[in-house]
Amino acid sequence: MIKNSMRTVFLMALVALLFLFVGNLLGGQTGMIIALVFALSMNVFSYWYSDKLVLKMYRAKEVNRENAPRFYNMVEELARNANLPMPKVYIIPQQQPNAFATGRNPKNAAVAATQGILQNLNERELRGVMAHELAHIKNRDILTQTIVTTVVSAITMIAQFAIFLPIGRGNGGGPNLLVLLLTLILAPLAAAMLQSAISRTREFEADRVGAEICGSAESLASALRKIQTSVERVPMQASETAQRSTAHMFPVNPFSARGMSKLFSTHPDTGLRIKKLMEMEKTGVYS
């Protein structure tokens, strides 16, 4: 727990330092402030309304104890185990087994599961997945993601507008094209890689806390194995915008990453996650 938390803090500090470096290099203090204000404005909106947007994006339907008693009661029990308020519960009309959690804080949270996961996982495995999603709520990972996204967006903005700013000048007063090109290309890439690394760290932590909530690391490990196999066979139906903006929300990336895109994967290797979970199951120590 402490190791994962310290790694997240360290990576967030690197993102902040990268922002300061790029801002001073390209836009100075004024450029930094302008980019940060723009990025903050966009992501404050996202923080407050992203839950409604993503649920609508996947055509999720809210359910209750009457029309989905097994699933609703399971979430209620797990939320009680996690000492969390009862979240809203949704079902997504998709056949790929997967799920996600959303909401700006534990009091305004929602969990959603696809029809595929309800049909293809047994009860123990489903408990493991929903416990993982509740762990994201408990750990306030959506707030962490919003903070990091704000700074990364600001870095990208500064880099994109660099060519219009009076920066990176050579000795003759003309633009230093090498400085501009390197910054335009490398700064957003570095920021995206750090953002992905933070997301991967939070997935490991959600695995650990989820195993505590449901009382079984093996259940989540078995579920991850099934989901990973299904992701490769059953495509998630979603727009390109949804693919870019929501992949990190699922326990397993529903849009398989291949080749260079793995460098920016928001999820750790599923095999490594399963290995860590089975070690927890064997030792009984969730740390």
C-alpha atoms as a PDB file:
ATOM      1  CA  MET A   1       0.000   0.000   0.000  1.00  0.00           C
ATOM      2  CA  ILE A   2       2.689   2.489   1.050  1.00  0.00           C
ATOM      3  CA  LYS A   3       4.896   1.519  -1.901  1.00  0.00           C
ATOM      4  CA  ASN A   4       2.117   2.121  -4.439  1.00  0.00           C
ATOM      5  CA  SER A   5       1.112   5.396  -2.806  1.00  0.00           C
ATOM      6  CA  MET A   6       4.689   6.670  -2.779  1.00  0.00           C
ATOM      7  CA  ARG A   7       5.115   5.705  -6.427  1.00  0.00           C
ATOM      8  CA  THR A   8       1.969   7.658  -7.333  1.00  0.00           C
ATOM      9  CA  VAL A   9       3.203  10.730  -5.431  1.00  0.00           C
ATOM     10  CA  PHE A  10       6.607  10.468  -7.111  1.00  0.00           C
ATOM     11  CA  LEU A  11       5.091  10.194 -10.609  1.00  0.00           C
ATOM     12  CA  MET A  12       2.730  13.113  -9.957  1.00  0.00           C
ATOM     13  CA  ALA A  13       5.710  15.169  -8.815  1.00  0.00           C
ATOM     14  CA  LEU A  14       7.479  14.336 -12.085  1.00  0.00           C
ATOM     15  CA  VAL A  15       4.433  15.513 -14.037  1.00  0.00           C
ATOM     16  CA  ALA A  16       4.452  18.797 -12.097  1.00  0.00           C
ATOM     17  CA  LEU A  17       8.189  19.280 -12.668  1.00  0.00           C
ATOM     18  CA  LEU A  18       7.763  18.590 -16.373  1.00  0.00           C
ATOM     19  CA  PHE A  19       5.024  21.224 -16.485  1.00  0.00           C
ATOM     20  CA  LEU A  20       7.283  23.792 -14.796  1.00  0.00           C
ATOM     21  CA  PHE A  21      10.185  22.982 -17.099  1.00  0.00           C
ATOM     22  CA  VAL A  22       8.175  23.115 -20.331  1.00  0.00           C
ATOM     23  CA  GLY A  23       6.246  26.191 -19.221  1.00  0.00           C
ATOM     24  CA  ASN A  24       9.365  28.167 -18.359  1.00  0.00           C
ATOM     25  CA  LEU A  25      11.167  27.027 -21.482  1.00  0.00           C
ATOM     26  CA  LEU A  26       8.384  27.853 -23.910  1.00  0.00           C
ATOM     27  CA  GLY A  27       5.907  30.220 -22.381  1.00  0.00           C
ATOM     28  CA  GLY A  28       7.466  31.631 -19.249  1.00  0.00           C
ATOM     29  CA  GLN A  29       5.322  32.250 -16.195  1.00  0.00           C
ATOM     30  CA  THR A  30       2.521  33.873 -18.199  1.00  0.00           C
ATOM     31  CA  GLY A  31       2.328  30.959 -20.636  1.00  0.00           C
ATOM     32  CA  MET A  32       2.238  28.478 -17.768  1.00  0.00           C
ATOM     33  CA  ILE A  33      -0.617  30.279 -16.035  1.00  0.00           C
ATOM     34  CA  ILE A  34      -2.697  30.629 -19.215  1.00  0.00           C
ATOM     35  CA  ALA A  35      -2.277  26.951 -20.128  1.00  0.00           C
ATOM     36  CA  LEU A  36      -3.036  25.796 -16.589  1.00  0.00           C
ATOM     37  CA  VAL A  37      -6.197  27.941 -16.369  1.00  0.00           C
ATOM     38  CA  PHE A  38      -7.482  26.568 -19.685  1.00  0.00           C
ATOM     39  CA  ALA A  39      -6.682  22.978 -18.718  1.00  0.00           C
ATOM     40  CA  LEU A  40      -8.185  23.422 -15.257  1.00  0.00           C
ATOM     41  CA  SER A  41     -11.407  24.846 -16.703  1.00  0.00           C
ATOM     42  CA  MET A  42     -11.817  21.896 -19.057  1.00  0.00           C
ATOM     43  CA  ASN A  43     -11.097  19.295 -16.418  1.00  0.00           C
ATOM     44  CA  VAL A  44     -13.251  20.873 -13.692  1.00  0.00           C
ATOM     45  CA  PHE A  45     -16.166  20.387 -16.079  1.00  0.00           C
ATOM     46  CA  SER A  46     -15.016  16.823 -16.697  1.00  0.00           C
ATOM     47  CA  TYR A  47     -14.668  16.158 -12.957  1.00  0.00           C
ATOM     48  CA  TRP A  48     -18.238  17.280 -12.219  1.00  0.00           C
ATOM     49  CA  TYR A  49     -20.015  15.857 -15.257  1.00  0.00           C
ATOM     50  CA  SER A  50     -17.872  12.981 -16.598  1.00  0.00           C
ATOM     51  CA  ASP A  51     -19.970  10.371 -14.769  1.00  0.00           C
ATOM     52  CA  LYS A  52     -23.134  11.406 -16.611  1.00  0.00           C
ATOM     53  CA  LEU A  53     -21.279  11.683 -19.914  1.00  0.00           C
ATOM     54  CA  VAL A  54     -19.610   8.275 -19.759  1.00  0.00           C
ATOM     55  CA  LEU A  55     -22.775   6.493 -18.609  1.00  0.00           C
ATOM     56  CA  LYS A  56     -24.680   8.066 -21.507  1.00  0.00           C
ATOM     57  CA  MET A  57     -21.812   7.241 -23.878  1.00  0.00           C
ATOM     58  CA  TYR A  58     -22.213   3.525 -23.122  1.00  0.00           C
ATOM     59  CA  ARG A  59     -26.040   3.689 -22.907  1.00  0.00           C
ATOM     60  CA  ALA A  60     -25.924   2.423 -19.335  1.00  0.00           C
ATOM     61  CA  LYS A  61     -29.275   1.827 -17.628  1.00  0.00           C
ATOM     62  CA  GLU A  62     -29.704   2.283 -13.879  1.00  0.00           C
ATOM     63  CA  VAL A  63     -31.003  -0.755 -12.018  1.00  0.00           C
ATOM     64  CA  ASN A  64     -32.276  -1.366  -8.502  1.00  0.00           C
ATOM     65  CA  ARG A  65     -33.088  -4.176  -6.083  1.00  0.00           C
ATOM     66  CA  GLU A  66     -36.346  -4.940  -7.866  1.00  0.00           C
ATOM     67  CA  ASN A  67     -35.116  -5.417 -11.437  1.00  0.00           C
ATOM     68  CA  ALA A  68     -31.567  -6.706 -10.748  1.00  0.00           C
ATOM     69  CA  PRO A  69     -31.650  -8.134  -7.205  1.00  0.00           C
ATOM     70  CA  ARG A  70     -28.579 -10.409  -7.423  1.00  0.00           C
ATOM     71  CA  PHE A  71     -26.275  -7.746  -8.824  1.00  0.00           C
ATOM     72  CA  TYR A  72     -27.649  -4.891  -6.705  1.00  0.00           C
ATOM     73  CA  ASN A  73     -27.427  -6.863  -3.459  1.00  0.00           C
ATOM     74  CA  MET A  74     -23.856  -7.895  -4.283  1.00  0.00           C
ATOM     75  CA  VAL A  75     -22.768  -4.281  -4.787  1.00  0.00           C
ATOM     76  CA  GLU A  76     -24.566  -3.251  -1.607  1.00  0.00           C
ATOM     77  CA  GLU A  77     -22.760  -5.913   0.432  1.00  0.00           C
ATOM     78  CA  LEU A  78     -19.358  -5.008  -1.030  1.00  0.00           C
ATOM     79  CA  ALA A  79     -19.947  -1.288  -0.462  1.00  0.00           C
ATOM     80  CA  ARG A  80     -20.738  -2.079   3.169  1.00  0.00           C
ATOM     81  CA  ASN A  81     -17.511  -4.113   3.421  1.00  0.00           C
ATOM     82  CA  ALA A  82     -15.597  -1.136   2.001  1.00  0.00           C
ATOM     83  CA  ASN A  83     -17.339   1.289   4.365  1.00  0.00           C
ATOM     84  CA  LEU A  84     -18.652   3.256   1.380  1.00  0.00           C
ATOM     85  CA  PRO A  85     -22.057   4.816   0.671  1.00  0.00           C
ATOM     86  CA  MET A  86     -24.178   2.756  -1.690  1.00  0.00           C
ATOM     87  CA  PRO A  87     -23.314   3.823  -5.258  1.00  0.00           C
ATOM     88  CA  LYS A  88     -25.787   3.946  -8.111  1.00  0.00           C
ATOM     89  CA  VAL A  89     -25.761   0.716 -10.099  1.00  0.00           C
ATOM     90  CA  TYR A  90     -25.904   0.457 -13.883  1.00  0.00           C
ATOM     91  CA  ILE A  91     -25.903  -2.248 -16.556  1.00  0.00           C
ATOM     92  CA  ILE A  92     -24.276  -1.602 -19.941  1.00  0.00           C
ATOM     93  CA  PRO A  93     -25.780  -3.284 -23.037  1.00  0.00           C
ATOM     94  CA  GLN A  94     -22.467  -4.715 -24.262  1.00  0.00           C
ATOM     95  CA  GLN A  95     -21.441  -8.363 -24.623  1.00  0.00           C
ATOM     96  CA  GLN A  96     -17.783  -7.892 -23.732  1.00  0.00           C
ATOM     97  CA  PRO A  97     -17.269  -8.760 -20.038  1.00  0.00           C
ATOM     98  CA  ASN A  98     -16.118  -5.538 -18.350  1.00  0.00           C
ATOM     99  CA  ALA A  99     -17.077  -2.896 -15.797  1.00  0.00           C
ATOM    100  CA  PHE A 100     -16.153   0.548 -14.516  1.00  0.00           C
ATOM    101  CA  ALA A 101     -16.702   2.989 -11.672  1.00  0.00           C
ATOM    102  CA  THR A 102     -17.260   6.715 -11.994  1.00  0.00           C
ATOM    103  CA  GLY A 103     -18.282   9.720  -9.902  1.00  0.00           C
ATOM    104  CA  ARG A 104     -16.405  12.627  -8.346  1.00  0.00           C
ATOM    105  CA  ASN A 105     -16.417  11.248  -4.795  1.00  0.00           C
ATOM    106  CA  PRO A 106     -17.795   8.317  -2.751  1.00  0.00           C
ATOM    107  CA  LYS A 107     -21.082  10.144  -2.106  1.00  0.00           C
ATOM    108  CA  ASN A 108     -21.647  10.700  -5.822  1.00  0.00           C
ATOM    109  CA  ALA A 109     -20.400   7.424  -7.270  1.00  0.00           C
ATOM    110  CA  ALA A 110     -21.710   4.842  -9.694  1.00  0.00           C
ATOM    111  CA  VAL A 111     -20.622   1.384 -10.764  1.00  0.00           C
ATOM    112  CA  ALA A 112     -21.523  -0.145 -14.106  1.00  0.00           C
ATOM    113  CA  ALA A 113     -21.169  -3.674 -15.443  1.00  0.00           C
ATOM    114  CA  THR A 114     -21.759  -5.000 -18.934  1.00  0.00           C
ATOM    115  CA  GLN A 115     -24.339  -7.649 -19.686  1.00  0.00           C
ATOM    116  CA  GLY A 116     -21.426  -9.795 -20.806  1.00  0.00           C
ATOM    117  CA  ILE A 117     -19.725  -9.779 -17.418  1.00  0.00           C
ATOM    118  CA  LEU A 118     -22.973 -10.630 -15.627  1.00  0.00           C
ATOM    119  CA  GLN A 119     -23.475 -13.595 -17.943  1.00  0.00           C
ATOM    120  CA  ASN A 120     -19.930 -14.944 -18.200  1.00  0.00           C
ATOM    121  CA  LEU A 121     -18.431 -14.612 -14.716  1.00  0.00           C
ATOM    122  CA  ASN A 122     -19.443 -16.704 -11.748  1.00  0.00           C
ATOM    123  CA  GLU A 123     -20.520 -14.996  -8.540  1.00  0.00           C
ATOM    124  CA  ARG A 124     -17.080 -15.073  -6.876  1.00  0.00           C
ATOM    125  CA  GLU A 125     -15.408 -13.589  -9.950  1.00  0.00           C
ATOM    126  CA  LEU A 126     -18.049 -10.893 -10.307  1.00  0.00           C
ATOM    127  CA  ARG A 127     -17.582  -9.985  -6.638  1.00  0.00           C
ATOM    128  CA  GLY A 128     -13.867  -9.599  -7.293  1.00  0.00           C
ATOM    129  CA  VAL A 129     -14.412  -7.229 -10.211  1.00  0.00           C
ATOM    130  CA  MET A 130     -16.986  -5.073  -8.438  1.00  0.00           C
ATOM    131  CA  ALA A 131     -14.756  -4.915  -5.361  1.00  0.00           C
ATOM    132  CA  HIS A 132     -11.959  -3.652  -7.631  1.00  0.00           C
ATOM    133  CA  GLU A 133     -14.253  -0.913  -8.939  1.00  0.00           C
ATOM    134  CA  LEU A 134     -15.317   0.069  -5.430  1.00  0.00           C
ATOM    135  CA  ALA A 135     -11.618   0.248  -4.532  1.00  0.00           C
ATOM    136  CA  HIS A 136     -11.189   2.961  -7.175  1.00  0.00           C
ATOM    137  CA  ILE A 137     -13.987   4.898  -5.481  1.00  0.00           C
ATOM    138  CA  LYS A 138     -12.512   4.340  -2.027  1.00  0.00           C
ATOM    139  CA  ASN A 139      -9.049   5.447  -3.205  1.00  0.00           C
ATOM    140  CA  ARG A 140     -10.495   8.543  -4.929  1.00  0.00           C
ATOM    141  CA  ASP A 141      -8.680   7.609  -8.110  1.00  0.00           C
ATOM    142  CA  ILE A 142     -10.977   9.763 -10.230  1.00  0.00           C
ATOM    143  CA  LEU A 143      -9.721  12.847  -8.362  1.00  0.00           C
ATOM    144  CA  THR A 144      -6.108  11.727  -8.895  1.00  0.00           C
ATOM    145  CA  GLN A 145      -6.760  11.158 -12.589  1.00  0.00           C
ATOM    146  CA  THR A 146      -8.378  14.594 -12.933  1.00  0.00           C
ATOM    147  CA  ILE A 147      -5.432  16.382 -11.306  1.00  0.00           C
ATOM    148  CA  VAL A 148      -2.912  14.600 -13.512  1.00  0.00           C
ATOM    149  CA  THR A 149      -5.011  15.120 -16.651  1.00  0.00           C
ATOM    150  CA  THR A 150      -5.209  18.854 -15.914  1.00  0.00           C
ATOM    151  CA  VAL A 151      -1.429  19.246 -15.778  1.00  0.00           C
ATOM    152  CA  VAL A 152      -0.809  16.952 -18.759  1.00  0.00           C
ATOM    153  CA  SER A 153      -3.377  18.919 -20.789  1.00  0.00           C
ATOM    154  CA  ALA A 154      -1.605  22.148 -19.852  1.00  0.00           C
ATOM    155  CA  ILE A 155       1.747  20.744 -21.000  1.00  0.00           C
ATOM    156  CA  THR A 156       0.212  19.714 -24.309  1.00  0.00           C
ATOM    157  CA  MET A 157      -1.357  23.149 -24.774  1.00  0.00           C
ATOM    158  CA  ILE A 158       1.916  24.942 -24.116  1.00  0.00           C
ATOM    159  CA  ALA A 159       3.674  22.709 -26.633  1.00  0.00           C
ATOM    160  CA  GLN A 160       0.954  23.176 -29.252  1.00  0.00           C
ATOM    161  CA  PHE A 161       1.034  26.969 -28.965  1.00  0.00           C
ATOM    162  CA  ALA A 162       4.824  27.157 -28.729  1.00  0.00           C
ATOM    163  CA  ILE A 163       5.215  28.049 -32.387  1.00  0.00           C
ATOM    164  CA  PHE A 164       3.116  31.202 -31.870  1.00  0.00           C
ATOM    165  CA  LEU A 165       5.020  32.357 -28.794  1.00  0.00           C
ATOM    166  CA  PRO A 166       8.201  34.462 -28.766  1.00  0.00           C
ATOM    167  CA  ILE A 167      10.267  31.688 -27.266  1.00  0.00           C
ATOM    168  CA  GLY A 168      13.076  29.373 -28.221  1.00  0.00           C
ATOM    169  CA  ARG A 169      14.904  32.180 -30.058  1.00  0.00           C
ATOM    170  CA  GLY A 170      18.370  31.681 -31.413  1.00  0.00           C
ATOM    171  CA  ASN A 171      21.230  34.209 -31.168  1.00  0.00           C
ATOM    172  CA  GLY A 172      20.017  35.985 -34.299  1.00  0.00           C
ATOM    173  CA  GLY A 173      16.567  36.508 -32.865  1.00  0.00           C
ATOM    174  CA  GLY A 174      14.979  33.859 -35.064  1.00  0.00           C
ATOM    175  CA  PRO A 175      13.259  30.795 -33.715  1.00  0.00           C
ATOM    176  CA  ASN A 176      15.457  27.954 -32.548  1.00  0.00           C
ATOM    177  CA  LEU A 177      13.752  25.247 -34.575  1.00  0.00           C
ATOM    178  CA  LEU A 178      15.523  22.420 -32.775  1.00  0.00           C
ATOM    179  CA  VAL A 179      14.214  23.576 -29.384  1.00  0.00           C
ATOM    180  CA  LEU A 180      10.728  24.013 -30.783  1.00  0.00           C
ATOM    181  CA  LEU A 181      10.594  20.641 -32.518  1.00  0.00           C
ATOM    182  CA  LEU A 182      12.015  18.689 -29.598  1.00  0.00           C
ATOM    183  CA  THR A 183       9.611  20.338 -27.174  1.00  0.00           C
ATOM    184  CA  LEU A 184       6.599  19.972 -29.451  1.00  0.00           C
ATOM    185  CA  ILE A 185       7.278  16.251 -29.863  1.00  0.00           C
ATOM    186  CA  LEU A 186       8.883  15.095 -26.627  1.00  0.00           C
ATOM    187  CA  ALA A 187       7.026  17.090 -23.945  1.00  0.00           C
ATOM    188  CA  PRO A 188       3.519  15.733 -24.719  1.00  0.00           C
ATOM    189  CA  LEU A 189       4.942  12.222 -25.147  1.00  0.00           C
ATOM    190  CA  ALA A 190       6.712  12.355 -21.793  1.00  0.00           C
ATOM    191  CA  ALA A 191       3.583  13.741 -20.107  1.00  0.00           C
ATOM    192  CA  ALA A 192       1.396  11.005 -21.622  1.00  0.00           C
ATOM    193  CA  MET A 193       3.817   8.292 -20.521  1.00  0.00           C
ATOM    194  CA  LEU A 194       3.858   9.640 -16.950  1.00  0.00           C
ATOM    195  CA  GLN A 195       0.053   9.844 -16.946  1.00  0.00           C
ATOM    196  CA  SER A 196      -0.154   6.214 -18.071  1.00  0.00           C
ATOM    197  CA  ALA A 197       2.354   5.151 -15.420  1.00  0.00           C
ATOM    198  CA  ILE A 198       0.232   6.771 -12.697  1.00  0.00           C
ATOM    199  CA  SER A 199      -2.866   5.006 -14.016  1.00  0.00           C
ATOM    200  CA  ARG A 200      -1.059   1.639 -13.971  1.00  0.00           C
ATOM    201  CA  THR A 201       0.037   2.225 -10.371  1.00  0.00           C
ATOM    202  CA  ARG A 202      -3.536   2.972  -9.320  1.00  0.00           C
ATOM    203  CA  GLU A 203      -4.693  -0.284 -10.965  1.00  0.00           C
ATOM    204  CA  PHE A 204      -2.284  -2.301  -8.808  1.00  0.00           C
ATOM    205  CA  GLU A 205      -3.576  -0.504  -5.721  1.00  0.00           C
ATOM    206  CA  ALA A 206      -7.213  -1.099  -6.717  1.00  0.00           C
ATOM    207  CA  ASP A 207      -6.405  -4.810  -7.147  1.00  0.00           C
ATOM    208  CA  ARG A 208      -5.009  -4.948  -3.625  1.00  0.00           C
ATOM    209  CA  VAL A 209      -7.845  -3.009  -1.984  1.00  0.00           C
ATOM    210  CA  GLY A 210     -10.428  -4.880  -4.053  1.00  0.00           C
ATOM    211  CA  ALA A 211      -9.038  -8.197  -2.803  1.00  0.00           C
ATOM    212  CA  GLU A 212      -9.436  -6.902   0.759  1.00  0.00           C
ATOM    213  CA  ILE A 213     -13.010  -5.780   0.145  1.00  0.00           C
ATOM    214  CA  CYS A 214     -14.216  -9.094  -1.280  1.00  0.00           C
ATOM    215  CA  GLY A 215     -11.885 -11.232   0.843  1.00  0.00           C
ATOM    216  CA  SER A 216     -10.385 -13.133  -2.089  1.00  0.00           C
ATOM    217  CA  ALA A 217      -7.481 -12.181  -4.337  1.00  0.00           C
ATOM    218  CA  GLU A 218      -7.976 -15.374  -6.349  1.00  0.00           C
ATOM    219  CA  SER A 219     -11.512 -14.342  -7.357  1.00  0.00           C
ATOM    220  CA  LEU A 220     -10.264 -11.143  -8.965  1.00  0.00           C
ATOM    221  CA  ALA A 221      -7.327 -12.968 -10.573  1.00  0.00           C
ATOM    222  CA  SER A 222      -9.685 -15.490 -12.169  1.00  0.00           C
ATOM    223  CA  ALA A 223     -11.967 -12.687 -13.368  1.00  0.00           C
ATOM    224  CA  LEU A 224      -9.083 -10.742 -14.925  1.00  0.00           C
ATOM    225  CA  ARG A 225      -7.986 -13.868 -16.778  1.00  0.00           C
ATOM    226  CA  LYS A 226     -11.469 -14.345 -18.262  1.00  0.00           C
ATOM    227  CA  ILE A 227     -11.895 -10.672 -19.127  1.00  0.00           C
ATOM    228  CA  GLN A 228      -8.523 -10.477 -20.864  1.00  0.00           C
ATOM    229  CA  THR A 229      -9.386 -13.479 -23.012  1.00  0.00           C
ATOM    230  CA  SER A 230     -12.787 -12.020 -23.872  1.00  0.00           C
ATOM    231  CA  VAL A 231     -11.370  -8.592 -24.775  1.00  0.00           C
ATOM    232  CA  GLU A 232      -9.417 -10.237 -27.572  1.00  0.00           C
ATOM    233  CA  ARG A 233     -12.524 -12.058 -28.887  1.00  0.00           C
ATOM    234  CA  VAL A 234     -15.460  -9.744 -28.190  1.00  0.00           C
ATOM    235  CA  PRO A 235     -15.009  -6.099 -29.250  1.00  0.00           C
ATOM    236  CA  MET A 236     -16.390  -3.256 -27.156  1.00  0.00           C
ATOM    237  CA  GLN A 237     -18.716  -1.151 -29.302  1.00  0.00           C
ATOM    238  CA  ALA A 238     -17.678   2.470 -28.773  1.00  0.00           C
ATOM    239  CA  SER A 239     -16.719   5.571 -30.712  1.00  0.00           C
ATOM    240  CA  GLU A 240     -13.107   6.631 -31.146  1.00  0.00           C
ATOM    241  CA  THR A 241     -13.710   9.398 -28.600  1.00  0.00           C
ATOM    242  CA  ALA A 242     -14.905   6.860 -26.055  1.00  0.00           C
ATOM    243  CA  GLN A 243     -11.922   4.635 -26.750  1.00  0.00           C
ATOM    244  CA  ARG A 244      -9.466   7.474 -26.091  1.00  0.00           C
ATOM    245  CA  SER A 245     -11.186   8.932 -23.045  1.00  0.00           C
ATOM    246  CA  THR A 246     -12.557   5.934 -21.142  1.00  0.00           C
ATOM    247  CA  ALA A 247     -10.148   3.009 -21.598  1.00  0.00           C
ATOM    248  CA  HIS A 248      -8.483   3.704 -18.233  1.00  0.00           C
ATOM    249  CA  MET A 249     -11.790   3.296 -16.380  1.00  0.00           C
ATOM    250  CA  PHE A 250     -12.146  -0.448 -16.989  1.00  0.00           C
ATOM    251  CA  PRO A 251     -10.303  -3.162 -14.994  1.00  0.00           C
ATOM    252  CA  VAL A 252      -8.930  -4.481 -18.315  1.00  0.00           C
ATOM    253  CA  ASN A 253      -8.487  -2.180 -21.312  1.00  0.00           C
ATOM    254  CA  PRO A 254     -11.492  -3.031 -23.531  1.00  0.00           C
ATOM    255  CA  PHE A 255      -9.607  -1.790 -26.583  1.00  0.00           C
ATOM    256  CA  SER A 256      -6.560  -4.024 -26.971  1.00  0.00           C
ATOM    257  CA  ALA A 257      -3.237  -2.166 -27.140  1.00  0.00           C
ATOM    258  CA  ARG A 258      -0.692  -3.377 -29.636  1.00  0.00           C
ATOM    259  CA  GLY A 259       2.819  -2.381 -30.695  1.00  0.00           C
ATOM    260  CA  MET A 260       4.012   1.087 -29.655  1.00  0.00           C
ATOM    261  CA  SER A 261       0.647   1.899 -28.071  1.00  0.00           C
ATOM    262  CA  LYS A 262       1.586  -0.380 -25.175  1.00  0.00           C
ATOM    263  CA  LEU A 263       4.028   2.328 -24.036  1.00  0.00           C
ATOM    264  CA  PHE A 264       1.007   4.488 -23.247  1.00  0.00           C
ATOM    265  CA  SER A 265      -1.167   1.709 -21.846  1.00  0.00           C
ATOM    266  CA  THR A 266      -3.287   2.776 -18.891  1.00  0.00           C
ATOM    267  CA  HIS A 267      -3.207  -0.770 -17.495  1.00  0.00           C
ATOM    268  CA  PRO A 268      -0.395  -2.979 -16.190  1.00  0.00           C
ATOM    269  CA  ASP A 269       0.211  -6.329 -17.859  1.00  0.00           C
ATOM    270  CA  THR A 270      -2.709  -8.568 -16.893  1.00  0.00           C
ATOM    271  CA  GLY A 271      -0.420 -11.547 -16.340  1.00  0.00           C
ATOM    272  CA  LEU A 272       1.630  -9.568 -13.818  1.00  0.00           C
ATOM    273  CA  ARG A 273      -1.520  -8.450 -12.010  1.00  0.00           C
ATOM    274  CA  ILE A 274      -2.717 -12.051 -11.784  1.00  0.00           C
ATOM    275  CA  LYS A 275       0.683 -13.144 -10.463  1.00  0.00           C
ATOM    276  CA  LYS A 276       0.607 -10.483  -7.728  1.00  0.00           C
ATOM    277  CA  LEU A 277      -2.955 -11.391  -6.769  1.00  0.00           C
ATOM    278  CA  MET A 278      -2.117 -15.094  -6.511  1.00  0.00           C
ATOM    279  CA  GLU A 279       0.849 -14.236  -4.278  1.00  0.00           C
ATOM    280  CA  MET A 280      -1.561 -12.310  -2.043  1.00  0.00           C
ATOM    281  CA  GLU A 281      -3.908 -15.297  -1.992  1.00  0.00           C
ATOM    282  CA  LYS A 282      -1.089 -17.643  -1.081  1.00  0.00           C
ATOM    283  CA  THR A 283       0.343 -15.526   1.729  1.00  0.00           C
ATOM    284  CA  GLY A 284      -2.910 -13.965   2.907  1.00  0.00           C
ATOM    285  CA  VAL A 285      -1.119 -10.581   3.017  1.00  0.00           C
ATOM    286  CA  TYR A 286      -2.741  -7.854   0.925  1.00  0.00           C
ATOM    287  CA  SER A 287       0.101  -5.336   0.725  1.00  0.00           C
END
